Amino acid sequence: MASKTIAVVGATGAQGSGVVRAILAGGGDEFSVRALTRDVTSPKARELADLGAEVVAADYSTPEGLAEAFDGAHGAFLVTDFWTHMDPEREQQYVRNLVAAVGKAGVAHVVWSTLEDTRELIPVDDPRMPTLLGKYKVPHFDAKAEADVFFREAGVPTTFLRTTFYYENLAGPLAPTRDADGRLILTLPMGDSPIAAIAADDIGRITLSIFRRGEEFVGRTVSVAGDIVTGTQIAAALSDALGEPVEYRPVTHDQFRAFGFPGADEFGNMLQYYTEFADEFTTPRDLAKVRELTPEVRSLSEWLAAGYQLPNAA
C-alpha cells in the first residue's frame, strides 16, 4: 500500500519544519511528506530534501497553481507566519488561499495551526490592554481565530490545533541577559502567573499523532502545551541548564510594551493575556491528555537539557 502524503506549508519555519521532521522520523511506511516552501534552493529547504522530504515550491500569497502543490496529498498541515508581515488582513487572505487550494485538491484531513480569539475575554473597548490596528488585542491570535470559520464554511475536514508560547523564545528574544554586574536576568511581565509553553518540534510530533488518528480528530479543537511554568520556575530551569544562577525580574506589561523592539506592543499584549487569563488559557492545555496523545512531548527542563545555550554564547 502506498504511503499517505502529508503536505506541510511553511516547511522551513519553526512549526512546519517540526512537522516535516516528525513525519520523516516517525511516519514509517504509513506517511510520506511533501515540504512546501517559497524557496526550494534555501539551505533549510535543501536540508529537508537531504533528509528525504519531497520539496515543492509553493507561495500562499499567490493562489494561482497553489492547489497543484496539494495534488494527491492525503493530509495537509497549514500554518501562517504573522511576524513576517504583521498584517491581519494579509494573514487572512493567505488562509483563504490555502483553504481554497486544499479544497480544490480534495485533501482528506487538514491540521490548521491556530490560536484563541483574545477578545472573547478582553473586548476591544476594554482599557486594561491597548487595542492594536483598530480592532485587535493580540492580532496574531485574533486573526487566526477569525480564520477558523473559513475552514468550516468551505467544508474542509479540519483539526484546529491551538498552539502556544515556544520554549525557543527563551533562546531568542526572551533569553536571559546580563545586567551591569554580570548576573543573568530573565525579564518577563508574567508576575506569578503560569505560562503554557511547548517546543516547536513537539508540535510536529503531536501533528503526526493527529494524522495517525485521522477521522477521529476531524472537527475537533486540540489545545497543546509541553509544560505550564511560572517565571520563577523558568528561571530555575534555566539556572540548572546553564550551571549559573538566573534571576527572574518581572516587569509590568506597560514597561514591556515600551521596550520598543519590533512587535513589542503585540508581544506585550500577548503576555498580558497569558497573565490575566492564565486559568482560561492553561486549563484546556491538559498536560496529561497531551502526553496521552503524544508521549514524547518534553517538559521545559527536558528541552533545556538537550543542549540549551544563550543566543550570544560563543
C-alpha atoms as a PDB file:
ATOM      1  CA  MET A   1       0.000   0.000   0.000  1.00  0.00           C
ATOM      2  CA  ALA A   2       1.340   3.438  -0.934  1.00  0.00           C
ATOM      3  CA  SER A   3       2.086   5.806   1.922  1.00  0.00           C
ATOM      4  CA  LYS A   4      -0.206   8.751   2.581  1.00  0.00           C
ATOM      5  CA  THR A   5       1.392  12.055   1.621  1.00  0.00           C
ATOM      6  CA  ILE A   6       1.197  14.914   4.113  1.00  0.00           C
ATOM      7  CA  ALA A   7       1.801  18.339   2.557  1.00  0.00           C
ATOM      8  CA  VAL A   8       3.359  20.786   5.000  1.00  0.00           C
ATOM      9  CA  VAL A   9       3.068  24.541   4.485  1.00  0.00           C
ATOM     10  CA  GLY A  10       5.862  26.751   5.814  1.00  0.00           C
ATOM     11  CA  ALA A  11       8.142  23.752   5.854  1.00  0.00           C
ATOM     12  CA  THR A  12      11.285  25.714   6.685  1.00  0.00           C
ATOM     13  CA  GLY A  13       9.661  27.602   9.583  1.00  0.00           C
ATOM     14  CA  ALA A  14       9.546  26.600  13.234  1.00  0.00           C
ATOM     15  CA  GLN A  15       6.298  24.623  13.208  1.00  0.00           C
ATOM     16  CA  GLY A  16       6.430  23.394   9.624  1.00  0.00           C
ATOM     17  CA  SER A  17       9.975  22.124   9.965  1.00  0.00           C
ATOM     18  CA  GLY A  18       8.980  20.288  13.126  1.00  0.00           C
ATOM     19  CA  VAL A  19       6.112  18.565  11.295  1.00  0.00           C
ATOM     20  CA  VAL A  20       8.335  17.572   8.365  1.00  0.00           C
ATOM     21  CA  ARG A  21      10.993  16.141  10.663  1.00  0.00           C
ATOM     22  CA  ALA A  22       8.446  14.302  12.808  1.00  0.00           C
ATOM     23  CA  ILE A  23       6.955  12.600   9.754  1.00  0.00           C
ATOM     24  CA  LEU A  24      10.376  11.715   8.357  1.00  0.00           C
ATOM     25  CA  ALA A  25      11.457  10.289  11.725  1.00  0.00           C
ATOM     26  CA  GLY A  26       8.242   8.576  12.791  1.00  0.00           C
ATOM     27  CA  GLY A  27       5.906   8.277   9.815  1.00  0.00           C
ATOM     28  CA  GLY A  28       7.256   4.895   8.813  1.00  0.00           C
ATOM     29  CA  ASP A  29       5.561   3.313   5.816  1.00  0.00           C
ATOM     30  CA  GLU A  30       2.238   4.986   6.645  1.00  0.00           C
ATOM     31  CA  PHE A  31       3.163   8.573   5.779  1.00  0.00           C
ATOM     32  CA  SER A  32       5.470  10.450   3.430  1.00  0.00           C
ATOM     33  CA  VAL A  33       5.982  14.198   3.496  1.00  0.00           C
ATOM     34  CA  ARG A  34       5.850  16.967   0.916  1.00  0.00           C
ATOM     35  CA  ALA A  35       7.552  20.141   2.140  1.00  0.00           C
ATOM     36  CA  LEU A  36       6.039  23.319   0.685  1.00  0.00           C
ATOM     37  CA  THR A  37       8.253  26.393   0.694  1.00  0.00           C
ATOM     38  CA  ARG A  38       8.698  29.595  -1.281  1.00  0.00           C
ATOM     39  CA  ASP A  39      12.388  28.964  -1.989  1.00  0.00           C
ATOM     40  CA  VAL A  40      13.362  25.371  -2.702  1.00  0.00           C
ATOM     41  CA  THR A  41      17.023  26.421  -3.018  1.00  0.00           C
ATOM     42  CA  SER A  42      17.361  27.782   0.527  1.00  0.00           C
ATOM     43  CA  PRO A  43      19.737  25.947   2.903  1.00  0.00           C
ATOM     44  CA  LYS A  44      16.819  24.865   5.104  1.00  0.00           C
ATOM     45  CA  ALA A  45      14.897  23.513   2.124  1.00  0.00           C
ATOM     46  CA  ARG A  46      17.934  21.621   0.846  1.00  0.00           C
ATOM     47  CA  GLU A  47      18.449  20.155   4.310  1.00  0.00           C
ATOM     48  CA  LEU A  48      14.883  18.806   4.335  1.00  0.00           C
ATOM     49  CA  ALA A  49      15.399  17.347   0.866  1.00  0.00           C
ATOM     50  CA  ASP A  50      18.590  15.638   2.056  1.00  0.00           C
ATOM     51  CA  LEU A  51      16.611  14.118   4.937  1.00  0.00           C
ATOM     52  CA  GLY A  52      14.156  12.587   2.467  1.00  0.00           C
ATOM     53  CA  ALA A  53      11.359  15.121   2.060  1.00  0.00           C
ATOM     54  CA  GLU A  54       9.808  15.925  -1.294  1.00  0.00           C
ATOM     55  CA  VAL A  55      10.408  19.684  -1.513  1.00  0.00           C
ATOM     56  CA  VAL A  56       7.945  21.659  -3.649  1.00  0.00           C
ATOM     57  CA  ALA A  57       7.749  25.367  -4.437  1.00  0.00           C
ATOM     58  CA  ALA A  58       4.531  26.986  -3.218  1.00  0.00           C
ATOM     59  CA  ASP A  59       3.597  30.506  -2.173  1.00  0.00           C
ATOM     60  CA  TYR A  60       0.277  31.030  -0.445  1.00  0.00           C
ATOM     61  CA  SER A  61       0.406  34.747  -1.219  1.00  0.00           C
ATOM     62  CA  THR A  62      -0.149  33.846  -4.893  1.00  0.00           C
ATOM     63  CA  PRO A  63      -3.042  31.376  -5.157  1.00  0.00           C
ATOM     64  CA  GLU A  64      -2.531  30.563  -8.835  1.00  0.00           C
ATOM     65  CA  GLY A  65      -1.385  26.973  -9.048  1.00  0.00           C
ATOM     66  CA  LEU A  66      -1.315  26.549  -5.273  1.00  0.00           C
ATOM     67  CA  ALA A  67      -3.735  23.611  -5.447  1.00  0.00           C
ATOM     68  CA  GLU A  68      -1.159  21.728  -7.542  1.00  0.00           C
ATOM     69  CA  ALA A  69       1.153  21.669  -4.533  1.00  0.00           C
ATOM     70  CA  PHE A  70      -1.518  19.727  -2.626  1.00  0.00           C
ATOM     71  CA  ASP A  71      -2.481  17.450  -5.514  1.00  0.00           C
ATOM     72  CA  GLY A  72      -2.603  13.828  -4.381  1.00  0.00           C
ATOM     73  CA  ALA A  73      -1.941  14.684  -0.737  1.00  0.00           C
ATOM     74  CA  HIS A  74      -3.964  12.823   1.879  1.00  0.00           C
ATOM     75  CA  GLY A  75      -3.333  15.426   4.575  1.00  0.00           C
ATOM     76  CA  ALA A  76      -2.031  18.959   4.981  1.00  0.00           C
ATOM     77  CA  PHE A  77      -0.526  20.918   7.841  1.00  0.00           C
ATOM     78  CA  LEU A  78      -1.311  24.608   7.425  1.00  0.00           C
ATOM     79  CA  VAL A  79       0.323  27.463   9.282  1.00  0.00           C
ATOM     80  CA  THR A  80       0.871  31.159   8.573  1.00  0.00           C
ATOM     81  CA  ASP A  81       3.686  33.340   9.861  1.00  0.00           C
ATOM     82  CA  PHE A  82       2.148  36.595  11.043  1.00  0.00           C
ATOM     83  CA  TRP A  83       5.506  38.009  12.127  1.00  0.00           C
ATOM     84  CA  THR A  84       6.860  38.257   8.568  1.00  0.00           C
ATOM     85  CA  HIS A  85       4.319  40.968   7.704  1.00  0.00           C
ATOM     86  CA  MET A  86       2.288  41.733  10.889  1.00  0.00           C
ATOM     87  CA  ASP A  87      -0.837  42.394   8.811  1.00  0.00           C
ATOM     88  CA  PRO A  88      -4.024  40.557   9.902  1.00  0.00           C
ATOM     89  CA  GLU A  89      -5.817  41.203   6.611  1.00  0.00           C
ATOM     90  CA  ARG A  90      -2.938  39.743   4.637  1.00  0.00           C
ATOM     91  CA  GLU A  91      -2.822  36.824   7.060  1.00  0.00           C
ATOM     92  CA  GLN A  92      -6.470  36.041   6.465  1.00  0.00           C
ATOM     93  CA  GLN A  93      -6.150  36.310   2.687  1.00  0.00           C
ATOM     94  CA  TYR A  94      -3.336  33.773   2.836  1.00  0.00           C
ATOM     95  CA  VAL A  95      -5.588  31.442   4.820  1.00  0.00           C
ATOM     96  CA  ARG A  96      -8.396  31.865   2.291  1.00  0.00           C
ATOM     97  CA  ASN A  97      -5.926  30.934  -0.460  1.00  0.00           C
ATOM     98  CA  LEU A  98      -4.876  27.821   1.432  1.00  0.00           C
ATOM     99  CA  VAL A  99      -8.460  26.776   2.177  1.00  0.00           C
ATOM    100  CA  ALA A 100      -9.377  27.110  -1.497  1.00  0.00           C
ATOM    101  CA  ALA A 101      -6.316  25.123  -2.538  1.00  0.00           C
ATOM    102  CA  VAL A 102      -6.802  22.170  -0.179  1.00  0.00           C
ATOM    103  CA  GLY A 103     -10.490  22.132  -1.031  1.00  0.00           C
ATOM    104  CA  LYS A 104      -9.772  22.023  -4.757  1.00  0.00           C
ATOM    105  CA  ALA A 105      -7.193  19.276  -4.250  1.00  0.00           C
ATOM    106  CA  GLY A 106      -9.628  17.206  -2.162  1.00  0.00           C
ATOM    107  CA  VAL A 107      -7.326  16.855   0.852  1.00  0.00           C
ATOM    108  CA  ALA A 108      -8.937  14.418   3.309  1.00  0.00           C
ATOM    109  CA  HIS A 109      -7.588  15.854   6.581  1.00  0.00           C
ATOM    110  CA  VAL A 110      -6.186  19.285   7.379  1.00  0.00           C
ATOM    111  CA  VAL A 111      -4.457  20.286  10.602  1.00  0.00           C
ATOM    112  CA  TRP A 112      -4.701  24.072  10.946  1.00  0.00           C
ATOM    113  CA  SER A 113      -2.347  25.727  13.442  1.00  0.00           C
ATOM    114  CA  THR A 114      -4.441  28.355  15.173  1.00  0.00           C
ATOM    115  CA  LEU A 115      -4.964  30.254  18.445  1.00  0.00           C
ATOM    116  CA  GLU A 116      -7.701  31.690  20.641  1.00  0.00           C
ATOM    117  CA  ASP A 117      -9.546  34.941  19.969  1.00  0.00           C
ATOM    118  CA  THR A 118      -8.374  37.039  22.913  1.00  0.00           C
ATOM    119  CA  ARG A 119     -11.308  39.433  22.516  1.00  0.00           C
ATOM    120  CA  GLU A 120     -13.644  36.812  23.927  1.00  0.00           C
ATOM    121  CA  LEU A 121     -12.054  37.546  27.319  1.00  0.00           C
ATOM    122  CA  ILE A 122     -10.852  41.119  26.875  1.00  0.00           C
ATOM    123  CA  PRO A 123     -13.063  43.090  24.455  1.00  0.00           C
ATOM    124  CA  VAL A 124     -11.691  45.721  22.109  1.00  0.00           C
ATOM    125  CA  ASP A 125     -13.077  48.542  24.268  1.00  0.00           C
ATOM    126  CA  ASP A 126     -11.521  47.178  27.479  1.00  0.00           C
ATOM    127  CA  PRO A 127      -8.947  49.787  28.617  1.00  0.00           C
ATOM    128  CA  ARG A 128      -6.788  47.291  30.513  1.00  0.00           C
ATOM    129  CA  MET A 129      -4.936  46.449  27.305  1.00  0.00           C
ATOM    130  CA  PRO A 130      -4.148  48.659  24.282  1.00  0.00           C
ATOM    131  CA  THR A 131      -6.186  47.982  21.163  1.00  0.00           C
ATOM    132  CA  LEU A 132      -3.950  47.377  18.141  1.00  0.00           C
ATOM    133  CA  LEU A 133      -4.671  48.048  14.469  1.00  0.00           C
ATOM    134  CA  GLY A 134      -8.087  49.395  15.391  1.00  0.00           C
ATOM    135  CA  LYS A 135      -9.849  46.135  16.253  1.00  0.00           C
ATOM    136  CA  TYR A 136      -7.485  43.611  17.823  1.00  0.00           C
ATOM    137  CA  LYS A 137      -5.991  42.958  21.239  1.00  0.00           C
ATOM    138  CA  VAL A 138      -3.439  40.336  20.142  1.00  0.00           C
ATOM    139  CA  PRO A 139      -3.577  40.446  16.336  1.00  0.00           C
ATOM    140  CA  HIS A 140      -1.711  37.222  15.616  1.00  0.00           C
ATOM    141  CA  PHE A 141      -4.097  35.349  17.927  1.00  0.00           C
ATOM    142  CA  ASP A 142      -7.281  37.094  16.898  1.00  0.00           C
ATOM    143  CA  ALA A 143      -6.716  36.973  13.133  1.00  0.00           C
ATOM    144  CA  LYS A 144      -6.013  33.237  13.211  1.00  0.00           C
ATOM    145  CA  ALA A 145      -9.098  32.615  15.335  1.00  0.00           C
ATOM    146  CA  GLU A 146     -11.228  34.604  12.881  1.00  0.00           C
ATOM    147  CA  ALA A 147      -9.836  32.464  10.059  1.00  0.00           C
ATOM    148  CA  ASP A 148     -11.099  29.234  11.669  1.00  0.00           C
ATOM    149  CA  VAL A 149     -14.505  29.877  10.149  1.00  0.00           C
ATOM    150  CA  PHE A 150     -13.059  29.769   6.613  1.00  0.00           C
ATOM    151  CA  PHE A 151     -12.425  26.034   7.032  1.00  0.00           C
ATOM    152  CA  ARG A 152     -15.900  25.378   8.406  1.00  0.00           C
ATOM    153  CA  GLU A 153     -17.643  27.404   5.702  1.00  0.00           C
ATOM    154  CA  ALA A 154     -15.709  25.573   2.973  1.00  0.00           C
ATOM    155  CA  GLY A 155     -16.451  22.155   4.476  1.00  0.00           C
ATOM    156  CA  VAL A 156     -12.745  21.303   4.762  1.00  0.00           C
ATOM    157  CA  PRO A 157     -12.207  18.355   7.162  1.00  0.00           C
ATOM    158  CA  THR A 158     -10.069  20.118   9.760  1.00  0.00           C
ATOM    159  CA  THR A 159      -8.463  19.648  13.148  1.00  0.00           C
ATOM    160  CA  PHE A 160      -7.948  23.010  14.860  1.00  0.00           C
ATOM    161  CA  LEU A 161      -4.590  22.786  16.643  1.00  0.00           C
ATOM    162  CA  ARG A 162      -4.242  25.545  19.224  1.00  0.00           C
ATOM    163  CA  THR A 163      -0.570  26.052  19.960  1.00  0.00           C
ATOM    164  CA  THR A 164       1.164  28.277  22.498  1.00  0.00           C
ATOM    165  CA  PHE A 165       4.378  30.042  23.544  1.00  0.00           C
ATOM    166  CA  TYR A 166       7.554  28.364  22.208  1.00  0.00           C
ATOM    167  CA  TYR A 167      10.372  27.287  24.502  1.00  0.00           C
ATOM    168  CA  GLU A 168      12.566  28.599  21.682  1.00  0.00           C
ATOM    169  CA  ASN A 169      11.670  32.166  22.671  1.00  0.00           C
ATOM    170  CA  LEU A 170      13.992  31.612  25.634  1.00  0.00           C
ATOM    171  CA  ALA A 171      16.855  31.122  23.193  1.00  0.00           C
ATOM    172  CA  GLY A 172      15.830  34.193  21.197  1.00  0.00           C
ATOM    173  CA  PRO A 173      14.044  37.447  22.010  1.00  0.00           C
ATOM    174  CA  LEU A 174      13.229  36.486  25.616  1.00  0.00           C
ATOM    175  CA  ALA A 175      16.547  34.882  26.530  1.00  0.00           C
ATOM    176  CA  PRO A 176      18.171  35.917  29.811  1.00  0.00           C
ATOM    177  CA  THR A 177      20.542  38.876  29.529  1.00  0.00           C
ATOM    178  CA  ARG A 178      23.328  40.079  31.812  1.00  0.00           C
ATOM    179  CA  ASP A 179      22.900  43.133  33.984  1.00  0.00           C
ATOM    180  CA  ALA A 180      25.660  45.632  34.795  1.00  0.00           C
ATOM    181  CA  ASP A 181      27.024  43.236  37.406  1.00  0.00           C
ATOM    182  CA  GLY A 182      27.154  40.303  35.021  1.00  0.00           C
ATOM    183  CA  ARG A 183      24.193  38.460  36.536  1.00  0.00           C
ATOM    184  CA  LEU A 184      21.796  36.658  34.220  1.00  0.00           C
ATOM    185  CA  ILE A 185      18.318  38.172  34.362  1.00  0.00           C
ATOM    186  CA  LEU A 186      15.082  36.762  32.947  1.00  0.00           C
ATOM    187  CA  THR A 187      12.735  39.649  32.182  1.00  0.00           C
ATOM    188  CA  LEU A 188       9.092  38.737  31.645  1.00  0.00           C
ATOM    189  CA  PRO A 189       5.886  40.598  32.514  1.00  0.00           C
ATOM    190  CA  MET A 190       4.248  37.499  33.969  1.00  0.00           C
ATOM    191  CA  GLY A 191       4.231  38.274  37.697  1.00  0.00           C
ATOM    192  CA  ASP A 192       3.463  34.998  39.469  1.00  0.00           C
ATOM    193  CA  SER A 193       1.169  33.692  36.720  1.00  0.00           C
ATOM    194  CA  PRO A 194       1.977  30.469  34.857  1.00  0.00           C
ATOM    195  CA  ILE A 195       2.504  30.279  31.127  1.00  0.00           C
ATOM    196  CA  ALA A 196       1.769  27.307  28.879  1.00  0.00           C
ATOM    197  CA  ALA A 197       4.725  26.556  26.616  1.00  0.00           C
ATOM    198  CA  ILE A 198       5.983  23.924  24.190  1.00  0.00           C
ATOM    199  CA  ALA A 199       8.911  23.028  21.943  1.00  0.00           C
ATOM    200  CA  ALA A 200       8.193  23.793  18.290  1.00  0.00           C
ATOM    201  CA  ASP A 201       9.413  20.315  17.301  1.00  0.00           C
ATOM    202  CA  ASP A 202       6.894  18.752  19.663  1.00  0.00           C
ATOM    203  CA  ILE A 203       4.084  20.481  17.779  1.00  0.00           C
ATOM    204  CA  GLY A 204       5.291  18.388  14.846  1.00  0.00           C
ATOM    205  CA  ARG A 205       5.125  15.171  16.857  1.00  0.00           C
ATOM    206  CA  ILE A 206       1.603  15.998  18.038  1.00  0.00           C
ATOM    207  CA  THR A 207       0.552  16.734  14.459  1.00  0.00           C
ATOM    208  CA  LEU A 208       1.796  13.317  13.344  1.00  0.00           C
ATOM    209  CA  SER A 209      -0.236  11.716  16.153  1.00  0.00           C
ATOM    210  CA  ILE A 210      -3.345  13.571  14.951  1.00  0.00           C
ATOM    211  CA  PHE A 211      -2.859  12.391  11.373  1.00  0.00           C
ATOM    212  CA  ARG A 212      -2.448   8.826  12.653  1.00  0.00           C
ATOM    213  CA  ARG A 213      -5.799   9.054  14.453  1.00  0.00           C
ATOM    214  CA  GLY A 214      -7.380  10.505  11.315  1.00  0.00           C
ATOM    215  CA  GLU A 215     -11.154  10.917  11.207  1.00  0.00           C
ATOM    216  CA  GLU A 216     -11.402  10.710  14.991  1.00  0.00           C
ATOM    217  CA  PHE A 217      -9.879  14.196  15.148  1.00  0.00           C
ATOM    218  CA  VAL A 218     -11.676  15.860  12.244  1.00  0.00           C
ATOM    219  CA  GLY A 219     -13.754  18.765  13.542  1.00  0.00           C
ATOM    220  CA  ARG A 220     -12.024  18.785  16.919  1.00  0.00           C
ATOM    221  CA  THR A 221     -10.054  21.542  18.620  1.00  0.00           C
ATOM    222  CA  VAL A 222      -6.844  20.286  20.240  1.00  0.00           C
ATOM    223  CA  SER A 223      -5.075  22.662  22.648  1.00  0.00           C
ATOM    224  CA  VAL A 224      -1.459  21.753  23.401  1.00  0.00           C
ATOM    225  CA  ALA A 225       1.452  22.513  25.721  1.00  0.00           C
ATOM    226  CA  GLY A 226       4.531  20.694  26.944  1.00  0.00           C
ATOM    227  CA  ASP A 227       4.757  22.458  30.286  1.00  0.00           C
ATOM    228  CA  ILE A 228       2.993  25.055  32.411  1.00  0.00           C
ATOM    229  CA  VAL A 229       5.517  27.126  34.352  1.00  0.00           C
ATOM    230  CA  THR A 230       5.873  30.424  36.193  1.00  0.00           C
ATOM    231  CA  GLY A 231       8.644  32.942  35.621  1.00  0.00           C
ATOM    232  CA  THR A 232      10.348  31.735  38.811  1.00  0.00           C
ATOM    233  CA  GLN A 233      10.215  28.140  37.589  1.00  0.00           C
ATOM    234  CA  ILE A 234      11.560  29.120  34.168  1.00  0.00           C
ATOM    235  CA  ALA A 235      14.479  30.916  35.811  1.00  0.00           C
ATOM    236  CA  ALA A 236      15.204  27.882  37.993  1.00  0.00           C
ATOM    237  CA  ALA A 237      15.166  25.563  34.971  1.00  0.00           C
ATOM    238  CA  LEU A 238      17.474  27.926  33.076  1.00  0.00           C
ATOM    239  CA  SER A 239      19.799  28.036  36.074  1.00  0.00           C
ATOM    240  CA  ASP A 240      20.050  24.240  36.073  1.00  0.00           C
ATOM    241  CA  ALA A 241      20.679  24.123  32.333  1.00  0.00           C
ATOM    242  CA  LEU A 242      23.320  26.864  32.312  1.00  0.00           C
ATOM    243  CA  GLY A 243      25.052  25.973  35.561  1.00  0.00           C
ATOM    244  CA  GLU A 244      24.776  29.514  36.932  1.00  0.00           C
ATOM    245  CA  PRO A 245      22.017  31.470  38.630  1.00  0.00           C
ATOM    246  CA  VAL A 246      19.308  33.126  36.554  1.00  0.00           C
ATOM    247  CA  GLU A 247      17.199  35.681  38.398  1.00  0.00           C
ATOM    248  CA  TYR A 248      13.593  36.337  37.419  1.00  0.00           C
ATOM    249  CA  ARG A 249      12.788  40.062  37.423  1.00  0.00           C
ATOM    250  CA  PRO A 250       9.175  40.654  36.388  1.00  0.00           C
ATOM    251  CA  VAL A 251       8.228  43.963  34.799  1.00  0.00           C
ATOM    252  CA  THR A 252       4.805  45.433  34.101  1.00  0.00           C
ATOM    253  CA  HIS A 253       3.132  44.920  30.773  1.00  0.00           C
ATOM    254  CA  ASP A 254       3.365  48.642  30.022  1.00  0.00           C
ATOM    255  CA  GLN A 255       7.099  48.537  30.718  1.00  0.00           C
ATOM    256  CA  PHE A 256       7.482  45.560  28.386  1.00  0.00           C
ATOM    257  CA  ARG A 257       5.495  47.249  25.586  1.00  0.00           C
ATOM    258  CA  ALA A 258       7.770  50.281  25.952  1.00  0.00           C
ATOM    259  CA  PHE A 259      10.928  48.247  25.218  1.00  0.00           C
ATOM    260  CA  GLY A 260      10.454  49.348  21.614  1.00  0.00           C
ATOM    261  CA  PHE A 261      11.613  46.326  19.648  1.00  0.00           C
ATOM    262  CA  PRO A 262       9.508  45.448  16.549  1.00  0.00           C
ATOM    263  CA  GLY A 263       6.282  43.893  17.780  1.00  0.00           C
ATOM    264  CA  ALA A 264       6.834  44.850  21.423  1.00  0.00           C
ATOM    265  CA  ASP A 265       3.256  46.087  21.797  1.00  0.00           C
ATOM    266  CA  GLU A 266       1.868  42.880  20.291  1.00  0.00           C
ATOM    267  CA  PHE A 267       4.175  40.681  22.363  1.00  0.00           C
ATOM    268  CA  GLY A 268       3.347  42.656  25.493  1.00  0.00           C
ATOM    269  CA  ASN A 269      -0.377  42.246  24.879  1.00  0.00           C
ATOM    270  CA  MET A 270       0.095  38.516  24.350  1.00  0.00           C
ATOM    271  CA  LEU A 271       1.962  38.145  27.628  1.00  0.00           C
ATOM    272  CA  GLN A 272      -0.678  40.227  29.402  1.00  0.00           C
ATOM    273  CA  TYR A 273      -3.335  37.889  28.025  1.00  0.00           C
ATOM    274  CA  TYR A 274      -1.371  34.883  29.314  1.00  0.00           C
ATOM    275  CA  THR A 275      -1.045  36.582  32.699  1.00  0.00           C
ATOM    276  CA  GLU A 276      -4.559  37.866  33.286  1.00  0.00           C
ATOM    277  CA  PHE A 277      -6.319  34.817  31.859  1.00  0.00           C
ATOM    278  CA  ALA A 278      -3.927  32.101  32.979  1.00  0.00           C
ATOM    279  CA  ASP A 279      -6.641  29.689  34.104  1.00  0.00           C
ATOM    280  CA  GLU A 280      -8.709  30.102  30.961  1.00  0.00           C
ATOM    281  CA  PHE A 281      -5.660  29.575  28.740  1.00  0.00           C
ATOM    282  CA  THR A 282      -3.883  26.768  30.600  1.00  0.00           C
ATOM    283  CA  THR A 283      -6.877  24.628  31.605  1.00  0.00           C
ATOM    284  CA  PRO A 284      -7.633  23.386  28.047  1.00  0.00           C
ATOM    285  CA  ARG A 285      -3.945  22.540  27.675  1.00  0.00           C
ATOM    286  CA  ASP A 286      -4.110  19.435  29.840  1.00  0.00           C
ATOM    287  CA  LEU A 287      -0.548  18.083  30.004  1.00  0.00           C
ATOM    288  CA  ALA A 288      -1.694  14.544  30.780  1.00  0.00           C
ATOM    289  CA  LYS A 289      -4.018  14.476  27.766  1.00  0.00           C
ATOM    290  CA  VAL A 290      -1.295  15.910  25.528  1.00  0.00           C
ATOM    291  CA  ARG A 291       1.084  13.117  26.571  1.00  0.00           C
ATOM    292  CA  GLU A 292      -1.648  10.524  26.202  1.00  0.00           C
ATOM    293  CA  LEU A 293      -1.805  11.585  22.563  1.00  0.00           C
ATOM    294  CA  THR A 294       1.967  12.052  22.147  1.00  0.00           C
ATOM    295  CA  PRO A 295       4.159  10.660  24.961  1.00  0.00           C
ATOM    296  CA  GLU A 296       7.358  12.169  23.504  1.00  0.00           C
ATOM    297  CA  VAL A 297       6.327  15.754  24.301  1.00  0.00           C
ATOM    298  CA  ARG A 298       9.008  17.296  26.527  1.00  0.00           C
ATOM    299  CA  SER A 299       8.881  19.442  29.625  1.00  0.00           C
ATOM    300  CA  LEU A 300      10.836  22.698  29.653  1.00  0.00           C
ATOM    301  CA  SER A 301      13.616  21.113  31.727  1.00  0.00           C
ATOM    302  CA  GLU A 302      13.886  18.196  29.303  1.00  0.00           C
ATOM    303  CA  TRP A 303      14.093  20.570  26.341  1.00  0.00           C
ATOM    304  CA  LEU A 304      16.738  22.715  28.043  1.00  0.00           C
ATOM    305  CA  ALA A 305      18.797  19.635  28.951  1.00  0.00           C
ATOM    306  CA  ALA A 306      19.115  18.745  25.261  1.00  0.00           C
ATOM    307  CA  GLY A 307      21.728  21.481  24.769  1.00  0.00           C
ATOM    308  CA  TYR A 308      20.347  24.909  25.596  1.00  0.00           C
ATOM    309  CA  GLN A 309      22.703  27.845  25.052  1.00  0.00           C
ATOM    310  CA  LEU A 310      22.271  31.572  25.371  1.00  0.00           C
ATOM    311  CA  PRO A 311      21.933  33.131  21.904  1.00  0.00           C
ATOM    312  CA  ASN A 312      25.124  35.140  22.309  1.00  0.00           C
ATOM    313  CA  ALA A 313      27.130  32.174  23.611  1.00  0.00           C
ATOM    314  CA  ALA A 314      30.431  31.591  21.871  1.00  0.00           C
END
